[in-house]
């Protein structure tokens, strides 16, 4: 049950970070002077890879 909770928590945090209205996304896009959509495209694959690795490691460990 603990592994499932940890995976769910990390997944929720990744989902919140990927929101285009999250404060960090707005701040970074303004700081780097890039469009929010371009930033989302750039970080989508690493975030999905992180989520997949957490799920796989949670199931194997």
PDB file of N, CA and C in Angstrom:
ATOM      1  N   UNK A   1       0.833  -1.190   0.000  1.00  0.00           N
ATOM      2  CA  UNK A   1       0.000   0.000   0.000  1.00  0.00           C
ATOM      3  C   UNK A   1       0.878   1.254   0.000  1.00  0.00           C
ATOM      4  N   UNK A   2       1.994   1.184   0.701  1.00  0.00           N
ATOM      5  CA  UNK A   2       2.882   2.342   0.772  1.00  0.00           C
ATOM      6  C   UNK A   2       3.489   2.651  -0.594  1.00  0.00           C
ATOM      7  N   UNK A   3       3.889   1.607  -1.326  1.00  0.00           N
ATOM      8  CA  UNK A   3       4.478   1.821  -2.653  1.00  0.00           C
ATOM      9  C   UNK A   3       3.472   2.466  -3.599  1.00  0.00           C
ATOM     10  N   UNK A   4       2.219   2.030  -3.501  1.00  0.00           N
ATOM     11  CA  UNK A   4       1.182   2.598  -4.351  1.00  0.00           C
ATOM     12  C   UNK A   4       0.947   4.064  -4.004  1.00  0.00           C
ATOM     13  N   UNK A   5       0.966   4.376  -2.725  1.00  0.00           N
ATOM     14  CA  UNK A   5       0.782   5.760  -2.294  1.00  0.00           C
ATOM     15  C   UNK A   5       1.914   6.659  -2.746  1.00  0.00           C
ATOM     16  N   UNK A   6       3.136   6.153  -2.646  1.00  0.00           N
ATOM     17  CA  UNK A   6       4.292   6.945  -3.079  1.00  0.00           C
ATOM     18  C   UNK A   6       4.232   7.185  -4.586  1.00  0.00           C
ATOM     19  N   UNK A   7       3.907   6.151  -5.348  1.00  0.00           N
ATOM     20  CA  UNK A   7       3.801   6.308  -6.807  1.00  0.00           C
ATOM     21  C   UNK A   7       2.697   7.296  -7.168  1.00  0.00           C
ATOM     22  N   UNK A   8       1.581   7.216  -6.474  1.00  0.00           N
ATOM     23  CA  UNK A   8       0.480   8.144  -6.722  1.00  0.00           C
ATOM     24  C   UNK A   8       0.847   9.573  -6.386  1.00  0.00           C
ATOM     25  N   UNK A   9       1.563   9.737  -5.295  1.00  0.00           N
ATOM     26  CA  UNK A   9       1.985  11.077  -4.883  1.00  0.00           C
ATOM     27  C   UNK A   9       2.960  11.686  -5.885  1.00  0.00           C
ATOM     28  N   UNK A  10       3.923  10.907  -6.319  1.00  0.00           N
ATOM     29  CA  UNK A  10       4.892  11.410  -7.298  1.00  0.00           C
ATOM     30  C   UNK A  10       4.199  11.706  -8.627  1.00  0.00           C
ATOM     31  N   UNK A  11       3.275  10.846  -9.021  1.00  0.00           N
ATOM     32  CA  UNK A  11       2.517  11.090 -10.248  1.00  0.00           C
ATOM     33  C   UNK A  11       1.700  12.371 -10.176  1.00  0.00           C
ATOM     34  N   UNK A  12       1.087  12.619  -9.029  1.00  0.00           N
ATOM     35  CA  UNK A  12       0.308  13.850  -8.853  1.00  0.00           C
ATOM     36  C   UNK A  12       1.207  15.074  -8.901  1.00  0.00           C
ATOM     37  N   UNK A  13       2.379  14.976  -8.300  1.00  0.00           N
ATOM     38  CA  UNK A  13       3.313  16.106  -8.330  1.00  0.00           C
ATOM     39  C   UNK A  13       3.808  16.390  -9.743  1.00  0.00           C
ATOM     40  N   UNK A  14       4.072  15.345 -10.502  1.00  0.00           N
ATOM     41  CA  UNK A  14       4.494  15.536 -11.892  1.00  0.00           C
ATOM     42  C   UNK A  14       3.358  16.163 -12.698  1.00  0.00           C
ATOM     43  N   UNK A  15       2.140  15.702 -12.459  1.00  0.00           N
ATOM     44  CA  UNK A  15       0.988  16.278 -13.156  1.00  0.00           C
ATOM     45  C   UNK A  15       0.795  17.748 -12.839  1.00  0.00           C
ATOM     46  N   UNK A  16       0.974  18.113 -11.580  1.00  0.00           N
ATOM     47  CA  UNK A  16       0.850  19.518 -11.198  1.00  0.00           C
ATOM     48  C   UNK A  16       1.951  20.358 -11.830  1.00  0.00           C
ATOM     49  N   UNK A  17       3.137  19.806 -11.908  1.00  0.00           N
ATOM     50  CA  UNK A  17       4.249  20.538 -12.509  1.00  0.00           C
ATOM     51  C   UNK A  17       4.025  20.746 -14.003  1.00  0.00           C
ATOM     52  N   UNK A  18       3.372  19.802 -14.654  1.00  0.00           N
ATOM     53  CA  UNK A  18       3.133  19.905 -16.093  1.00  0.00           C
ATOM     54  C   UNK A  18       1.957  20.819 -16.442  1.00  0.00           C
ATOM     55  N   UNK A  19       1.262  21.340 -15.456  1.00  0.00           N
ATOM     56  CA  UNK A  19       0.140  22.235 -15.728  1.00  0.00           C
ATOM     57  C   UNK A  19       0.653  23.548 -16.318  1.00  0.00           C
ATOM     58  N   UNK A  20       0.052  24.009 -17.407  1.00  0.00           N
ATOM     59  CA  UNK A  20       0.530  25.254 -18.013  1.00  0.00           C
ATOM     60  C   UNK A  20       0.250  26.496 -17.172  1.00  0.00           C
ATOM     61  N   UNK A  21      -0.550  26.375 -16.131  1.00  0.00           N
ATOM     62  CA  UNK A  21      -0.816  27.522 -15.261  1.00  0.00           C
ATOM     63  C   UNK A  21      -0.103  27.401 -13.920  1.00  0.00           C
ATOM     64  N   UNK A  22       0.791  26.423 -13.795  1.00  0.00           N
ATOM     65  CA  UNK A  22       1.570  26.300 -12.563  1.00  0.00           C
ATOM     66  C   UNK A  22       2.523  27.483 -12.461  1.00  0.00           C
ATOM     67  N   UNK A  23       2.730  27.945 -11.246  1.00  0.00           N
ATOM     68  CA  UNK A  23       3.571  29.128 -11.039  1.00  0.00           C
ATOM     69  C   UNK A  23       4.980  28.927 -11.581  1.00  0.00           C
ATOM     70  N   UNK A  24       5.547  27.751 -11.377  1.00  0.00           N
ATOM     71  CA  UNK A  24       6.917  27.516 -11.831  1.00  0.00           C
ATOM     72  C   UNK A  24       7.005  27.537 -13.355  1.00  0.00           C
ATOM     73  N   UNK A  25       5.979  27.033 -14.028  1.00  0.00           N
ATOM     74  CA  UNK A  25       5.972  27.042 -15.493  1.00  0.00           C
ATOM     75  C   UNK A  25       5.889  28.480 -16.003  1.00  0.00           C
ATOM     76  N   UNK A  26       5.033  29.273 -15.406  1.00  0.00           N
ATOM     77  CA  UNK A  26       4.912  30.676 -15.807  1.00  0.00           C
ATOM     78  C   UNK A  26       6.211  31.432 -15.549  1.00  0.00           C
ATOM     79  N   UNK A  27       6.821  31.174 -14.399  1.00  0.00           N
ATOM     80  CA  UNK A  27       8.062  31.858 -14.044  1.00  0.00           C
ATOM     81  C   UNK A  27       9.195  31.482 -14.994  1.00  0.00           C
ATOM     82  N   UNK A  28       9.371  30.191 -15.239  1.00  0.00           N
ATOM     83  CA  UNK A  28      10.470  29.738 -16.096  1.00  0.00           C
ATOM     84  C   UNK A  28      10.268  30.193 -17.538  1.00  0.00           C
ATOM     85  N   UNK A  29       9.037  30.128 -18.032  1.00  0.00           N
ATOM     86  CA  UNK A  29       8.811  30.568 -19.413  1.00  0.00           C
ATOM     87  C   UNK A  29       9.070  32.064 -19.567  1.00  0.00           C
ATOM     88  N   UNK A  30       8.720  32.842 -18.559  1.00  0.00           N
ATOM     89  CA  UNK A  30       9.005  34.281 -18.619  1.00  0.00           C
ATOM     90  C   UNK A  30      10.501  34.545 -18.486  1.00  0.00           C
ATOM     91  N   UNK A  31      11.153  33.813 -17.597  1.00  0.00           N
ATOM     92  CA  UNK A  31      12.585  34.008 -17.378  1.00  0.00           C
ATOM     93  C   UNK A  31      13.400  33.619 -18.609  1.00  0.00           C
ATOM     94  N   UNK A  32      13.014  32.517 -19.251  1.00  0.00           N
ATOM     95  CA  UNK A  32      13.744  32.042 -20.428  1.00  0.00           C
ATOM     96  C   UNK A  32      13.246  32.685 -21.720  1.00  0.00           C
ATOM     97  N   UNK A  33      12.173  33.458 -21.623  1.00  0.00           N
ATOM     98  CA  UNK A  33      11.579  34.133 -22.771  1.00  0.00           C
ATOM     99  C   UNK A  33      11.187  33.136 -23.863  1.00  0.00           C
ATOM    100  N   UNK A  34      10.456  32.091 -23.454  1.00  0.00           N
ATOM    101  CA  UNK A  34       9.927  31.100 -24.390  1.00  0.00           C
ATOM    102  C   UNK A  34       8.426  30.974 -24.162  1.00  0.00           C
ATOM    103  N   UNK A  35       7.745  30.476 -25.167  1.00  0.00           N
ATOM    104  CA  UNK A  35       6.313  30.241 -25.040  1.00  0.00           C
ATOM    105  C   UNK A  35       6.061  29.048 -24.116  1.00  0.00           C
ATOM    106  N   UNK A  36       4.938  29.083 -23.416  1.00  0.00           N
ATOM    107  CA  UNK A  36       4.606  28.006 -22.482  1.00  0.00           C
ATOM    108  C   UNK A  36       4.468  26.676 -23.227  1.00  0.00           C
ATOM    109  N   UNK A  37       3.873  26.697 -24.417  1.00  0.00           N
ATOM    110  CA  UNK A  37       3.707  25.464 -25.188  1.00  0.00           C
ATOM    111  C   UNK A  37       5.051  24.853 -25.554  1.00  0.00           C
ATOM    112  N   UNK A  38       6.023  25.673 -25.907  1.00  0.00           N
ATOM    113  CA  UNK A  38       7.355  25.163 -26.242  1.00  0.00           C
ATOM    114  C   UNK A  38       8.031  24.556 -25.020  1.00  0.00           C
ATOM    115  N   UNK A  39       7.840  25.180 -23.873  1.00  0.00           N
ATOM    116  CA  UNK A  39       8.397  24.648 -22.629  1.00  0.00           C
ATOM    117  C   UNK A  39       7.764  23.303 -22.283  1.00  0.00           C
ATOM    118  N   UNK A  40       6.450  23.199 -22.454  1.00  0.00           N
ATOM    119  CA  UNK A  40       5.752  21.945 -22.158  1.00  0.00           C
ATOM    120  C   UNK A  40       6.233  20.820 -23.079  1.00  0.00           C
ATOM    121  N   UNK A  41       6.438  21.141 -24.354  1.00  0.00           N
ATOM    122  CA  UNK A  41       6.937  20.133 -25.293  1.00  0.00           C
ATOM    123  C   UNK A  41       8.325  19.644 -24.885  1.00  0.00           C
ATOM    124  N   UNK A  42       9.132  20.567 -24.373  1.00  0.00           N
ATOM    125  CA  UNK A  42      10.513  20.239 -24.020  1.00  0.00           C
ATOM    126  C   UNK A  42      10.599  19.341 -22.786  1.00  0.00           C
ATOM    127  N   UNK A  43       9.724  19.532 -21.810  1.00  0.00           N
ATOM    128  CA  UNK A  43       9.830  18.789 -20.552  1.00  0.00           C
ATOM    129  C   UNK A  43       8.879  17.599 -20.461  1.00  0.00           C
ATOM    130  N   UNK A  44       8.039  17.399 -21.476  1.00  0.00           N
ATOM    131  CA  UNK A  44       7.070  16.306 -21.425  1.00  0.00           C
ATOM    132  C   UNK A  44       7.743  14.936 -21.359  1.00  0.00           C
ATOM    133  N   UNK A  45       8.663  14.658 -22.259  1.00  0.00           N
ATOM    134  CA  UNK A  45       9.298  13.334 -22.288  1.00  0.00           C
ATOM    135  C   UNK A  45      10.122  13.039 -21.030  1.00  0.00           C
ATOM    136  N   UNK A  46      10.937  13.971 -20.528  1.00  0.00           N
ATOM    137  CA  UNK A  46      11.653  13.669 -19.279  1.00  0.00           C
ATOM    138  C   UNK A  46      10.722  13.424 -18.091  1.00  0.00           C
ATOM    139  N   UNK A  47       9.620  14.153 -18.025  1.00  0.00           N
ATOM    140  CA  UNK A  47       8.664  13.945 -16.931  1.00  0.00           C
ATOM    141  C   UNK A  47       7.990  12.581 -17.049  1.00  0.00           C
ATOM    142  N   UNK A  48       7.619  12.191 -18.254  1.00  0.00           N
ATOM    143  CA  UNK A  48       7.013  10.872 -18.448  1.00  0.00           C
ATOM    144  C   UNK A  48       8.015   9.760 -18.159  1.00  0.00           C
ATOM    145  N   UNK A  49       9.270   9.967 -18.528  1.00  0.00           N
ATOM    146  CA  UNK A  49      10.305   8.977 -18.225  1.00  0.00           C
ATOM    147  C   UNK A  49      10.505   8.852 -16.720  1.00  0.00           C
ATOM    148  N   UNK A  50      10.473   9.974 -16.018  1.00  0.00           N
ATOM    149  CA  UNK A  50      10.608   9.941 -14.559  1.00  0.00           C
ATOM    150  C   UNK A  50       9.441   9.202 -13.928  1.00  0.00           C
ATOM    151  N   UNK A  51       8.237   9.465 -14.396  1.00  0.00           N
ATOM    152  CA  UNK A  51       7.062   8.781 -13.857  1.00  0.00           C
ATOM    153  C   UNK A  51       7.120   7.285 -14.139  1.00  0.00           C
ATOM    154  N   UNK A  52       7.500   6.916 -15.350  1.00  0.00           N
ATOM    155  CA  UNK A  52       7.597   5.499 -15.700  1.00  0.00           C
ATOM    156  C   UNK A  52       8.652   4.792 -14.860  1.00  0.00           C
ATOM    157  N   UNK A  53       9.782   5.449 -14.629  1.00  0.00           N
ATOM    158  CA  UNK A  53      10.831   4.814 -13.824  1.00  0.00           C
ATOM    159  C   UNK A  53      10.399   4.652 -12.376  1.00  0.00           C
ATOM    160  N   UNK A  54       9.668   5.611 -11.842  1.00  0.00           N
ATOM    161  CA  UNK A  54       9.170   5.487 -10.466  1.00  0.00           C
ATOM    162  C   UNK A  54       8.189   4.327 -10.357  1.00  0.00           C
ATOM    163  N   UNK A  55       7.317   4.198 -11.330  1.00  0.00           N
ATOM    164  CA  UNK A  55       6.343   3.104 -11.302  1.00  0.00           C
ATOM    165  C   UNK A  55       7.044   1.761 -11.426  1.00  0.00           C
ATOM    166  N   UNK A  56       7.977   1.646 -12.368  1.00  0.00           N
ATOM    167  CA  UNK A  56       8.687   0.377 -12.562  1.00  0.00           C
ATOM    168  C   UNK A  56       9.509   0.014 -11.330  1.00  0.00           C
ATOM    169  N   UNK A  57      10.250   0.976 -10.792  1.00  0.00           N
ATOM    170  CA  UNK A  57      11.050   0.692  -9.598  1.00  0.00           C
ATOM    171  C   UNK A  57      10.174   0.360  -8.401  1.00  0.00           C
ATOM    172  N   UNK A  58       9.016   0.997  -8.311  1.00  0.00           N
ATOM    173  CA  UNK A  58       8.091   0.682  -7.231  1.00  0.00           C
ATOM    174  C   UNK A  58       7.546  -0.732  -7.335  1.00  0.00           C
ATOM    175  N   UNK A  59       7.310  -1.185  -8.553  1.00  0.00           N
ATOM    176  CA  UNK A  59       6.799  -2.542  -8.743  1.00  0.00           C
ATOM    177  C   UNK A  59       7.879  -3.600  -8.542  1.00  0.00           C
ATOM    178  N   UNK A  60       9.116  -3.268  -8.891  1.00  0.00           N
ATOM    179  CA  UNK A  60      10.197  -4.243  -8.779  1.00  0.00           C
ATOM    180  C   UNK A  60      10.792  -4.329  -7.386  1.00  0.00           C
ATOM    181  N   UNK A  61      10.727  -3.242  -6.663  1.00  0.00           N
ATOM    182  CA  UNK A  61      11.398  -3.207  -5.364  1.00  0.00           C
ATOM    183  C   UNK A  61      10.546  -3.810  -4.318  1.00  0.00           C
TER     184      UNK A  61
END
